[in-house]
């Protein structure tokens, strides 16, 4: 599912909850998910809430470290090392991204 991603699409709590639901179900567009992660990382760093090196994740995203054939596996590792408690190894990627966005307070703060 490709969302018209922007301020309006995640401006309210209900829109963010819907977005997270689609992410968790594996229905969200990968680029939308990566964009949300990048913007949430940037906001956390700007608000001095970077307790898990989210700025480092953003830097890796900017460097395109999570693109290509092994990109998803690298992103999985990068997210897993930042989450507490660590997720199970077989955690679906969508659920892992939801956990990361929740750790970044996306549900309550938005972008």
PDB file of N, CA and C in Angstrom:
ATOM      1  N   UNK A   1       0.845  -1.171   0.000  1.00  0.00           N
ATOM      2  CA  UNK A   1       0.000   0.000   0.000  1.00  0.00           C
ATOM      3  C   UNK A   1       0.889   1.232   0.000  1.00  0.00           C
ATOM      4  N   UNK A   2       0.756   2.049  -0.970  1.00  0.00           N
ATOM      5  CA  UNK A   2       1.522   3.292  -1.055  1.00  0.00           C
ATOM      6  C   UNK A   2       0.669   4.408  -0.497  1.00  0.00           C
ATOM      7  N   UNK A   3       1.182   5.096   0.515  1.00  0.00           N
ATOM      8  CA  UNK A   3       0.460   6.229   1.093  1.00  0.00           C
ATOM      9  C   UNK A   3       0.961   7.508   0.456  1.00  0.00           C
ATOM     10  N   UNK A   4       0.115   8.474   0.418  1.00  0.00           N
ATOM     11  CA  UNK A   4       0.574   9.813   0.075  1.00  0.00           C
ATOM     12  C   UNK A   4       1.230  10.325   1.345  1.00  0.00           C
ATOM     13  N   UNK A   5       2.513  10.043   1.475  1.00  0.00           N
ATOM     14  CA  UNK A   5       3.208  10.314   2.722  1.00  0.00           C
ATOM     15  C   UNK A   5       3.536  11.791   2.830  1.00  0.00           C
ATOM     16  N   UNK A   6       3.208  12.349   3.925  1.00  0.00           N
ATOM     17  CA  UNK A   6       3.492  13.757   4.176  1.00  0.00           C
ATOM     18  C   UNK A   6       2.865  14.156   5.490  1.00  0.00           C
ATOM     19  N   UNK A   7       2.923  15.407   5.782  1.00  0.00           N
ATOM     20  CA  UNK A   7       2.434  15.899   7.066  1.00  0.00           C
ATOM     21  C   UNK A   7       0.985  15.509   7.302  1.00  0.00           C
ATOM     22  N   UNK A   8       0.146  15.646   6.287  1.00  0.00           N
ATOM     23  CA  UNK A   8      -1.272  15.361   6.460  1.00  0.00           C
ATOM     24  C   UNK A   8      -1.533  13.876   6.704  1.00  0.00           C
ATOM     25  N   UNK A   9      -0.761  12.998   6.066  1.00  0.00           N
ATOM     26  CA  UNK A   9      -1.029  11.567   6.183  1.00  0.00           C
ATOM     27  C   UNK A   9      -0.743  11.016   7.576  1.00  0.00           C
ATOM     28  N   UNK A  10       0.077  11.678   8.362  1.00  0.00           N
ATOM     29  CA  UNK A  10       0.377  11.217   9.715  1.00  0.00           C
ATOM     30  C   UNK A  10       0.185  12.342  10.735  1.00  0.00           C
ATOM     31  N   UNK A  11      -0.697  13.279  10.411  1.00  0.00           N
ATOM     32  CA  UNK A  11      -0.856  14.457  11.259  1.00  0.00           C
ATOM     33  C   UNK A  11      -1.638  14.175  12.533  1.00  0.00           C
ATOM     34  N   UNK A  12      -2.467  13.163  12.550  1.00  0.00           N
ATOM     35  CA  UNK A  12      -3.251  12.883  13.756  1.00  0.00           C
ATOM     36  C   UNK A  12      -2.886  11.510  14.298  1.00  0.00           C
ATOM     37  N   UNK A  13      -3.212  11.310  15.538  1.00  0.00           N
ATOM     38  CA  UNK A  13      -2.946  10.019  16.163  1.00  0.00           C
ATOM     39  C   UNK A  13      -3.625   8.873  15.433  1.00  0.00           C
ATOM     40  N   UNK A  14      -4.833   9.099  14.948  1.00  0.00           N
ATOM     41  CA  UNK A  14      -5.532   8.020  14.243  1.00  0.00           C
ATOM     42  C   UNK A  14      -4.855   7.699  12.916  1.00  0.00           C
ATOM     43  N   UNK A  15      -4.335   8.721  12.228  1.00  0.00           N
ATOM     44  CA  UNK A  15      -3.599   8.472  10.986  1.00  0.00           C
ATOM     45  C   UNK A  15      -2.307   7.712  11.264  1.00  0.00           C
ATOM     46  N   UNK A  16      -1.621   8.090  12.345  1.00  0.00           N
ATOM     47  CA  UNK A  16      -0.383   7.394  12.698  1.00  0.00           C
ATOM     48  C   UNK A  16      -0.675   5.950  13.103  1.00  0.00           C
ATOM     49  N   UNK A  17      -1.756   5.735  13.840  1.00  0.00           N
ATOM     50  CA  UNK A  17      -2.128   4.371  14.237  1.00  0.00           C
ATOM     51  C   UNK A  17      -2.434   3.522  13.009  1.00  0.00           C
ATOM     52  N   UNK A  18      -3.127   4.089  12.035  1.00  0.00           N
ATOM     53  CA  UNK A  18      -3.426   3.360  10.800  1.00  0.00           C
ATOM     54  C   UNK A  18      -2.134   3.034  10.048  1.00  0.00           C
ATOM     55  N   UNK A  19      -1.246   4.010   9.966  1.00  0.00           N
ATOM     56  CA  UNK A  19       0.028   3.781   9.290  1.00  0.00           C
ATOM     57  C   UNK A  19       0.794   2.659   9.978  1.00  0.00           C
ATOM     58  N   UNK A  20       0.877   2.689  11.301  1.00  0.00           N
ATOM     59  CA  UNK A  20       1.594   1.647  12.038  1.00  0.00           C
ATOM     60  C   UNK A  20       0.933   0.283  11.857  1.00  0.00           C
ATOM     61  N   UNK A  21      -0.380   0.265  11.769  1.00  0.00           N
ATOM     62  CA  UNK A  21      -1.079  -0.994  11.522  1.00  0.00           C
ATOM     63  C   UNK A  21      -0.679  -1.561  10.160  1.00  0.00           C
ATOM     64  N   UNK A  22      -0.645  -0.717   9.147  1.00  0.00           N
ATOM     65  CA  UNK A  22      -0.267  -1.195   7.814  1.00  0.00           C
ATOM     66  C   UNK A  22       1.199  -1.641   7.783  1.00  0.00           C
ATOM     67  N   UNK A  23       2.045  -0.943   8.535  1.00  0.00           N
ATOM     68  CA  UNK A  23       3.455  -1.345   8.619  1.00  0.00           C
ATOM     69  C   UNK A  23       3.551  -2.725   9.270  1.00  0.00           C
ATOM     70  N   UNK A  24       2.888  -2.898  10.398  1.00  0.00           N
ATOM     71  CA  UNK A  24       2.930  -4.164  11.127  1.00  0.00           C
ATOM     72  C   UNK A  24       2.388  -5.336  10.337  1.00  0.00           C
ATOM     73  N   UNK A  25       1.422  -5.061   9.477  1.00  0.00           N
ATOM     74  CA  UNK A  25       0.834  -6.114   8.644  1.00  0.00           C
ATOM     75  C   UNK A  25       1.645  -6.366   7.374  1.00  0.00           C
ATOM     76  N   UNK A  26       2.714  -5.593   7.182  1.00  0.00           N
ATOM     77  CA  UNK A  26       3.524  -5.754   5.984  1.00  0.00           C
ATOM     78  C   UNK A  26       2.892  -5.179   4.737  1.00  0.00           C
ATOM     79  N   UNK A  27       1.912  -4.292   4.912  1.00  0.00           N
ATOM     80  CA  UNK A  27       1.169  -3.712   3.787  1.00  0.00           C
ATOM     81  C   UNK A  27       1.712  -2.350   3.358  1.00  0.00           C
ATOM     82  N   UNK A  28       2.542  -1.739   4.168  1.00  0.00           N
ATOM     83  CA  UNK A  28       3.044  -0.391   3.864  1.00  0.00           C
ATOM     84  C   UNK A  28       4.178  -0.457   2.848  1.00  0.00           C
ATOM     85  N   UNK A  29       4.283   0.572   2.059  1.00  0.00           N
ATOM     86  CA  UNK A  29       5.364   0.687   1.089  1.00  0.00           C
ATOM     87  C   UNK A  29       6.692   0.833   1.833  1.00  0.00           C
ATOM     88  N   UNK A  30       7.705   0.083   1.403  1.00  0.00           N
ATOM     89  CA  UNK A  30       9.015   0.116   2.068  1.00  0.00           C
ATOM     90  C   UNK A  30       9.601   1.523   2.131  1.00  0.00           C
ATOM     91  N   UNK A  31       9.435   2.288   1.070  1.00  0.00           N
ATOM     92  CA  UNK A  31       9.992   3.642   1.063  1.00  0.00           C
ATOM     93  C   UNK A  31       9.278   4.542   2.068  1.00  0.00           C
ATOM     94  N   UNK A  32       7.963   4.364   2.226  1.00  0.00           N
ATOM     95  CA  UNK A  32       7.230   5.132   3.237  1.00  0.00           C
ATOM     96  C   UNK A  32       7.742   4.795   4.634  1.00  0.00           C
ATOM     97  N   UNK A  33       7.981   3.523   4.877  1.00  0.00           N
ATOM     98  CA  UNK A  33       8.469   3.088   6.189  1.00  0.00           C
ATOM     99  C   UNK A  33       9.856   3.666   6.451  1.00  0.00           C
ATOM    100  N   UNK A  34      10.733   3.580   5.470  1.00  0.00           N
ATOM    101  CA  UNK A  34      12.083   4.127   5.641  1.00  0.00           C
ATOM    102  C   UNK A  34      12.048   5.640   5.826  1.00  0.00           C
ATOM    103  N   UNK A  35      11.164   6.314   5.115  1.00  0.00           N
ATOM    104  CA  UNK A  35      11.037   7.764   5.275  1.00  0.00           C
ATOM    105  C   UNK A  35      10.550   8.102   6.680  1.00  0.00           C
ATOM    106  N   UNK A  36       9.555   7.374   7.162  1.00  0.00           N
ATOM    107  CA  UNK A  36       9.060   7.612   8.522  1.00  0.00           C
ATOM    108  C   UNK A  36      10.164   7.358   9.546  1.00  0.00           C
ATOM    109  N   UNK A  37      10.916   6.272   9.363  1.00  0.00           N
ATOM    110  CA  UNK A  37      12.025   5.989  10.284  1.00  0.00           C
ATOM    111  C   UNK A  37      13.058   7.116  10.256  1.00  0.00           C
ATOM    112  N   UNK A  38      13.418   7.564   9.059  1.00  0.00           N
ATOM    113  CA  UNK A  38      14.426   8.623   8.934  1.00  0.00           C
ATOM    114  C   UNK A  38      13.958   9.909   9.598  1.00  0.00           C
ATOM    115  N   UNK A  39      12.730  10.306   9.343  1.00  0.00           N
ATOM    116  CA  UNK A  39      12.215  11.548   9.928  1.00  0.00           C
ATOM    117  C   UNK A  39      12.059  11.427  11.442  1.00  0.00           C
ATOM    118  N   UNK A  40      11.646  10.255  11.919  1.00  0.00           N
ATOM    119  CA  UNK A  40      11.519  10.059  13.365  1.00  0.00           C
ATOM    120  C   UNK A  40      12.901  10.048  14.032  1.00  0.00           C
ATOM    121  N   UNK A  41      13.897   9.466  13.374  1.00  0.00           N
ATOM    122  CA  UNK A  41      15.274   9.496  13.901  1.00  0.00           C
ATOM    123  C   UNK A  41      15.779  10.928  13.988  1.00  0.00           C
ATOM    124  N   UNK A  42      15.532  11.697  12.940  1.00  0.00           N
ATOM    125  CA  UNK A  42      15.974  13.083  12.905  1.00  0.00           C
ATOM    126  C   UNK A  42      15.317  13.888  14.027  1.00  0.00           C
ATOM    127  N   UNK A  43      14.032  13.673  14.228  1.00  0.00           N
ATOM    128  CA  UNK A  43      13.334  14.410  15.286  1.00  0.00           C
ATOM    129  C   UNK A  43      13.865  14.011  16.661  1.00  0.00           C
ATOM    130  N   UNK A  44      14.071  12.721  16.880  1.00  0.00           N
ATOM    131  CA  UNK A  44      14.593  12.270  18.177  1.00  0.00           C
ATOM    132  C   UNK A  44      15.953  12.898  18.462  1.00  0.00           C
ATOM    133  N   UNK A  45      16.801  12.944  17.451  1.00  0.00           N
ATOM    134  CA  UNK A  45      18.134  13.543  17.635  1.00  0.00           C
ATOM    135  C   UNK A  45      18.016  15.039  17.904  1.00  0.00           C
ATOM    136  N   UNK A  46      17.140  15.712  17.168  1.00  0.00           N
ATOM    137  CA  UNK A  46      16.969  17.158  17.345  1.00  0.00           C
ATOM    138  C   UNK A  46      16.398  17.502  18.719  1.00  0.00           C
ATOM    139  N   UNK A  47      15.594  16.605  19.273  1.00  0.00           N
ATOM    140  CA  UNK A  47      14.981  16.836  20.586  1.00  0.00           C
ATOM    141  C   UNK A  47      15.795  16.217  21.724  1.00  0.00           C
ATOM    142  N   UNK A  48      17.022  15.804  21.414  1.00  0.00           N
ATOM    143  CA  UNK A  48      17.920  15.221  22.408  1.00  0.00           C
ATOM    144  C   UNK A  48      17.301  13.997  23.092  1.00  0.00           C
ATOM    145  N   UNK A  49      16.630  13.167  22.287  1.00  0.00           N
ATOM    146  CA  UNK A  49      16.047  11.916  22.782  1.00  0.00           C
ATOM    147  C   UNK A  49      16.720  10.726  22.101  1.00  0.00           C
ATOM    148  N   UNK A  50      17.990  10.869  21.794  1.00  0.00           N
ATOM    149  CA  UNK A  50      18.702   9.867  21.014  1.00  0.00           C
ATOM    150  C   UNK A  50      19.448   8.902  21.927  1.00  0.00           C
ATOM    151  N   UNK A  51      18.690   8.091  22.650  1.00  0.00           N
ATOM    152  CA  UNK A  51      19.294   7.192  23.620  1.00  0.00           C
ATOM    153  C   UNK A  51      19.764   5.870  23.011  1.00  0.00           C
ATOM    154  N   UNK A  52      19.546   5.667  21.719  1.00  0.00           N
ATOM    155  CA  UNK A  52      19.920   4.399  21.082  1.00  0.00           C
ATOM    156  C   UNK A  52      20.683   4.629  19.777  1.00  0.00           C
ATOM    157  N   UNK A  53      21.322   5.776  19.647  1.00  0.00           N
ATOM    158  CA  UNK A  53      22.058   6.126  18.429  1.00  0.00           C
ATOM    159  C   UNK A  53      21.181   6.117  17.191  1.00  0.00           C
ATOM    160  N   UNK A  54      20.011   6.737  17.318  1.00  0.00           N
ATOM    161  CA  UNK A  54      19.123   6.875  16.155  1.00  0.00           C
ATOM    162  C   UNK A  54      19.761   7.773  15.103  1.00  0.00           C
ATOM    163  N   UNK A  55      20.598   8.717  15.531  1.00  0.00           N
ATOM    164  CA  UNK A  55      21.308   9.564  14.563  1.00  0.00           C
ATOM    165  C   UNK A  55      22.241   8.712  13.708  1.00  0.00           C
ATOM    166  N   UNK A  56      22.833   7.697  14.303  1.00  0.00           N
ATOM    167  CA  UNK A  56      23.681   6.773  13.557  1.00  0.00           C
ATOM    168  C   UNK A  56      22.883   5.991  12.528  1.00  0.00           C
ATOM    169  N   UNK A  57      21.666   5.594  12.902  1.00  0.00           N
ATOM    170  CA  UNK A  57      20.791   4.908  11.955  1.00  0.00           C
ATOM    171  C   UNK A  57      20.457   5.837  10.794  1.00  0.00           C
ATOM    172  N   UNK A  58      20.137   7.086  11.114  1.00  0.00           N
ATOM    173  CA  UNK A  58      19.835   8.064  10.067  1.00  0.00           C
ATOM    174  C   UNK A  58      21.036   8.257   9.148  1.00  0.00           C
ATOM    175  N   UNK A  59      22.226   8.355   9.708  1.00  0.00           N
ATOM    176  CA  UNK A  59      23.435   8.514   8.886  1.00  0.00           C
ATOM    177  C   UNK A  59      23.617   7.325   7.949  1.00  0.00           C
ATOM    178  N   UNK A  60      23.347   6.123   8.447  1.00  0.00           N
ATOM    179  CA  UNK A  60      23.433   4.937   7.603  1.00  0.00           C
ATOM    180  C   UNK A  60      22.367   4.955   6.509  1.00  0.00           C
ATOM    181  N   UNK A  61      21.195   5.478   6.830  1.00  0.00           N
ATOM    182  CA  UNK A  61      20.129   5.581   5.819  1.00  0.00           C
ATOM    183  C   UNK A  61      20.535   6.567   4.729  1.00  0.00           C
ATOM    184  N   UNK A  62      21.092   7.693   5.120  1.00  0.00           N
ATOM    185  CA  UNK A  62      21.539   8.695   4.158  1.00  0.00           C
ATOM    186  C   UNK A  62      22.634   8.116   3.263  1.00  0.00           C
ATOM    187  N   UNK A  63      23.476   7.267   3.818  1.00  0.00           N
ATOM    188  CA  UNK A  63      24.554   6.633   3.052  1.00  0.00           C
ATOM    189  C   UNK A  63      24.065   5.438   2.225  1.00  0.00           C
ATOM    190  N   UNK A  64      22.748   5.219   2.207  1.00  0.00           N
ATOM    191  CA  UNK A  64      22.119   4.131   1.430  1.00  0.00           C
ATOM    192  C   UNK A  64      22.593   2.748   1.856  1.00  0.00           C
ATOM    193  N   UNK A  65      22.955   2.610   3.114  1.00  0.00           N
ATOM    194  CA  UNK A  65      23.438   1.327   3.627  1.00  0.00           C
ATOM    195  C   UNK A  65      22.360   0.257   3.627  1.00  0.00           C
ATOM    196  N   UNK A  66      21.090   0.658   3.606  1.00  0.00           N
ATOM    197  CA  UNK A  66      19.994  -0.299   3.700  1.00  0.00           C
ATOM    198  C   UNK A  66      19.301  -0.518   2.362  1.00  0.00           C
ATOM    199  N   UNK A  67      20.000  -0.228   1.296  1.00  0.00           N
ATOM    200  CA  UNK A  67      19.464  -0.439  -0.051  1.00  0.00           C
ATOM    201  C   UNK A  67      20.145  -1.660  -0.662  1.00  0.00           C
ATOM    202  N   UNK A  68      19.581  -2.153  -1.719  1.00  0.00           N
ATOM    203  CA  UNK A  68      20.198  -3.255  -2.442  1.00  0.00           C
ATOM    204  C   UNK A  68      19.847  -4.612  -1.874  1.00  0.00           C
ATOM    205  N   UNK A  69      20.565  -5.597  -2.362  1.00  0.00           N
ATOM    206  CA  UNK A  69      20.270  -6.991  -2.064  1.00  0.00           C
ATOM    207  C   UNK A  69      20.311  -7.324  -0.572  1.00  0.00           C
ATOM    208  N   UNK A  70      21.258  -6.794   0.144  1.00  0.00           N
ATOM    209  CA  UNK A  70      21.399  -7.101   1.566  1.00  0.00           C
ATOM    210  C   UNK A  70      20.878  -5.983   2.464  1.00  0.00           C
ATOM    211  N   UNK A  71      20.231  -5.000   1.871  1.00  0.00           N
ATOM    212  CA  UNK A  71      19.782  -3.842   2.629  1.00  0.00           C
ATOM    213  C   UNK A  71      18.810  -4.163   3.743  1.00  0.00           C
ATOM    214  N   UNK A  72      17.831  -5.015   3.454  1.00  0.00           N
ATOM    215  CA  UNK A  72      16.846  -5.332   4.484  1.00  0.00           C
ATOM    216  C   UNK A  72      17.488  -6.045   5.670  1.00  0.00           C
ATOM    217  N   UNK A  73      18.414  -6.942   5.402  1.00  0.00           N
ATOM    218  CA  UNK A  73      19.096  -7.645   6.492  1.00  0.00           C
ATOM    219  C   UNK A  73      19.925  -6.658   7.326  1.00  0.00           C
ATOM    220  N   UNK A  74      20.597  -5.728   6.669  1.00  0.00           N
ATOM    221  CA  UNK A  74      21.365  -4.715   7.413  1.00  0.00           C
ATOM    222  C   UNK A  74      20.444  -3.835   8.265  1.00  0.00           C
ATOM    223  N   UNK A  75      19.287  -3.466   7.696  1.00  0.00           N
ATOM    224  CA  UNK A  75      18.330  -2.653   8.455  1.00  0.00           C
ATOM    225  C   UNK A  75      17.803  -3.452   9.646  1.00  0.00           C
ATOM    226  N   UNK A  76      17.515  -4.707   9.437  1.00  0.00           N
ATOM    227  CA  UNK A  76      17.036  -5.568  10.521  1.00  0.00           C
ATOM    228  C   UNK A  76      18.043  -5.586  11.677  1.00  0.00           C
ATOM    229  N   UNK A  77      19.309  -5.747  11.348  1.00  0.00           N
ATOM    230  CA  UNK A  77      20.361  -5.782  12.375  1.00  0.00           C
ATOM    231  C   UNK A  77      20.462  -4.422  13.063  1.00  0.00           C
ATOM    232  N   UNK A  78      20.449  -3.349  12.283  1.00  0.00           N
ATOM    233  CA  UNK A  78      20.575  -2.001  12.852  1.00  0.00           C
ATOM    234  C   UNK A  78      19.419  -1.685  13.796  1.00  0.00           C
ATOM    235  N   UNK A  79      18.211  -2.073  13.423  1.00  0.00           N
ATOM    236  CA  UNK A  79      17.055  -1.821  14.294  1.00  0.00           C
ATOM    237  C   UNK A  79      17.124  -2.714  15.528  1.00  0.00           C
ATOM    238  N   UNK A  80      17.445  -3.979  15.335  1.00  0.00           N
ATOM    239  CA  UNK A  80      17.464  -4.931  16.446  1.00  0.00           C
ATOM    240  C   UNK A  80      18.448  -4.539  17.535  1.00  0.00           C
ATOM    241  N   UNK A  81      19.585  -3.974  17.140  1.00  0.00           N
ATOM    242  CA  UNK A  81      20.586  -3.588  18.142  1.00  0.00           C
ATOM    243  C   UNK A  81      20.173  -2.352  18.927  1.00  0.00           C
ATOM    244  N   UNK A  82      19.193  -1.614  18.448  1.00  0.00           N
ATOM    245  CA  UNK A  82      18.754  -0.398  19.126  1.00  0.00           C
ATOM    246  C   UNK A  82      17.523  -0.617  20.012  1.00  0.00           C
ATOM    247  N   UNK A  83      16.845  -1.718  19.863  1.00  0.00           N
ATOM    248  CA  UNK A  83      15.595  -1.944  20.591  1.00  0.00           C
ATOM    249  C   UNK A  83      15.833  -2.696  21.892  1.00  0.00           C
ATOM    250  N   UNK A  84      15.105  -2.292  22.916  1.00  0.00           N
ATOM    251  CA  UNK A  84      15.152  -2.949  24.218  1.00  0.00           C
ATOM    252  C   UNK A  84      13.738  -3.284  24.641  1.00  0.00           C
ATOM    253  N   UNK A  85      13.473  -4.513  25.018  1.00  0.00           N
ATOM    254  CA  UNK A  85      14.361  -5.656  24.922  1.00  0.00           C
ATOM    255  C   UNK A  85      14.590  -6.028  23.461  1.00  0.00           C
ATOM    256  N   UNK A  86      15.702  -6.715  23.191  1.00  0.00           N
ATOM    257  CA  UNK A  86      15.976  -7.106  21.807  1.00  0.00           C
ATOM    258  C   UNK A  86      14.849  -7.975  21.252  1.00  0.00           C
ATOM    259  N   UNK A  87      14.516  -7.790  19.985  1.00  0.00           N
ATOM    260  CA  UNK A  87      13.433  -8.585  19.394  1.00  0.00           C
ATOM    261  C   UNK A  87      13.895 -10.012  19.102  1.00  0.00           C
ATOM    262  N   UNK A  88      12.937 -10.937  18.969  1.00  0.00           N
ATOM    263  CA  UNK A  88      13.308 -12.288  18.556  1.00  0.00           C
ATOM    264  C   UNK A  88      13.921 -12.255  17.157  1.00  0.00           C
ATOM    265  N   UNK A  89      14.773 -13.204  16.854  1.00  0.00           N
ATOM    266  CA  UNK A  89      15.446 -13.244  15.562  1.00  0.00           C
ATOM    267  C   UNK A  89      14.474 -13.388  14.402  1.00  0.00           C
ATOM    268  N   UNK A  90      13.327 -14.001  14.660  1.00  0.00           N
ATOM    269  CA  UNK A  90      12.363 -14.221  13.580  1.00  0.00           C
ATOM    270  C   UNK A  90      11.247 -13.169  13.549  1.00  0.00           C
ATOM    271  N   UNK A  91      11.460 -12.058  14.236  1.00  0.00           N
ATOM    272  CA  UNK A  91      10.471 -10.969  14.241  1.00  0.00           C
ATOM    273  C   UNK A  91      10.246 -10.497  12.803  1.00  0.00           C
ATOM    274  N   UNK A  92       9.001 -10.478  12.322  1.00  0.00           N
ATOM    275  CA  UNK A  92       8.746  -9.968  10.968  1.00  0.00           C
ATOM    276  C   UNK A  92       9.225  -8.519  10.840  1.00  0.00           C
ATOM    277  N   UNK A  93       9.719  -8.179   9.668  1.00  0.00           N
ATOM    278  CA  UNK A  93      10.294  -6.853   9.442  1.00  0.00           C
ATOM    279  C   UNK A  93       9.288  -5.740   9.756  1.00  0.00           C
ATOM    280  N   UNK A  94       8.039  -5.931   9.379  1.00  0.00           N
ATOM    281  CA  UNK A  94       7.030  -4.908   9.662  1.00  0.00           C
ATOM    282  C   UNK A  94       6.876  -4.650  11.150  1.00  0.00           C
ATOM    283  N   UNK A  95       6.818  -5.714  11.922  1.00  0.00           N
ATOM    284  CA  UNK A  95       6.682  -5.562  13.379  1.00  0.00           C
ATOM    285  C   UNK A  95       7.939  -4.939  13.989  1.00  0.00           C
ATOM    286  N   UNK A  96       9.087  -5.276  13.437  1.00  0.00           N
ATOM    287  CA  UNK A  96      10.339  -4.687  13.897  1.00  0.00           C
ATOM    288  C   UNK A  96      10.334  -3.177  13.647  1.00  0.00           C
ATOM    289  N   UNK A  97       9.856  -2.759  12.495  1.00  0.00           N
ATOM    290  CA  UNK A  97       9.777  -1.328  12.174  1.00  0.00           C
ATOM    291  C   UNK A  97       8.774  -0.616  13.078  1.00  0.00           C
ATOM    292  N   UNK A  98       7.663  -1.279  13.392  1.00  0.00           N
ATOM    293  CA  UNK A  98       6.688  -0.685  14.318  1.00  0.00           C
ATOM    294  C   UNK A  98       7.333  -0.494  15.683  1.00  0.00           C
ATOM    295  N   UNK A  99       8.068  -1.487  16.151  1.00  0.00           N
ATOM    296  CA  UNK A  99       8.754  -1.352  17.448  1.00  0.00           C
ATOM    297  C   UNK A  99       9.734  -0.191  17.430  1.00  0.00           C
ATOM    298  N   UNK A 100      10.459  -0.027  16.321  1.00  0.00           N
ATOM    299  CA  UNK A 100      11.412   1.082  16.212  1.00  0.00           C
ATOM    300  C   UNK A 100      10.675   2.415  16.219  1.00  0.00           C
ATOM    301  N   UNK A 101       9.605   2.511  15.455  1.00  0.00           N
ATOM    302  CA  UNK A 101       8.835   3.766  15.427  1.00  0.00           C
ATOM    303  C   UNK A 101       8.224   4.049  16.792  1.00  0.00           C
ATOM    304  N   UNK A 102       7.777   3.013  17.501  1.00  0.00           N
ATOM    305  CA  UNK A 102       7.273   3.222  18.864  1.00  0.00           C
ATOM    306  C   UNK A 102       8.389   3.694  19.789  1.00  0.00           C
ATOM    307  N   UNK A 103       9.582   3.131  19.650  1.00  0.00           N
ATOM    308  CA  UNK A 103      10.720   3.566  20.476  1.00  0.00           C
ATOM    309  C   UNK A 103      11.065   5.027  20.198  1.00  0.00           C
ATOM    310  N   UNK A 104      10.775   5.483  18.995  1.00  0.00           N
ATOM    311  CA  UNK A 104      11.031   6.870  18.606  1.00  0.00           C
ATOM    312  C   UNK A 104       9.842   7.786  18.909  1.00  0.00           C
ATOM    313  N   UNK A 105       8.842   7.261  19.608  1.00  0.00           N
ATOM    314  CA  UNK A 105       7.634   8.019  19.995  1.00  0.00           C
ATOM    315  C   UNK A 105       6.841   8.534  18.803  1.00  0.00           C
ATOM    316  N   UNK A 106       6.907   7.831  17.679  1.00  0.00           N
ATOM    317  CA  UNK A 106       6.171   8.237  16.488  1.00  0.00           C
ATOM    318  C   UNK A 106       4.670   8.254  16.758  1.00  0.00           C
ATOM    319  N   UNK A 107       4.175   7.270  17.484  1.00  0.00           N
ATOM    320  CA  UNK A 107       2.733   7.144  17.734  1.00  0.00           C
ATOM    321  C   UNK A 107       2.184   8.390  18.446  1.00  0.00           C
ATOM    322  N   UNK A 108       2.931   8.911  19.391  1.00  0.00           N
ATOM    323  CA  UNK A 108       2.443  10.067  20.155  1.00  0.00           C
ATOM    324  C   UNK A 108       2.947  11.409  19.627  1.00  0.00           C
ATOM    325  N   UNK A 109       4.161  11.466  19.111  1.00  0.00           N
ATOM    326  CA  UNK A 109       4.759  12.740  18.685  1.00  0.00           C
ATOM    327  C   UNK A 109       4.648  12.998  17.194  1.00  0.00           C
ATOM    328  N   UNK A 110       4.522  11.938  16.415  1.00  0.00           N
ATOM    329  CA  UNK A 110       4.525  12.111  14.963  1.00  0.00           C
ATOM    330  C   UNK A 110       5.917  12.382  14.470  1.00  0.00           C
ATOM    331  N   UNK A 111       5.984  13.138  13.370  1.00  0.00           N
ATOM    332  CA  UNK A 111       7.280  13.431  12.759  1.00  0.00           C
ATOM    333  C   UNK A 111       7.646  14.847  13.103  1.00  0.00           C
TER     334      UNK A 111
END
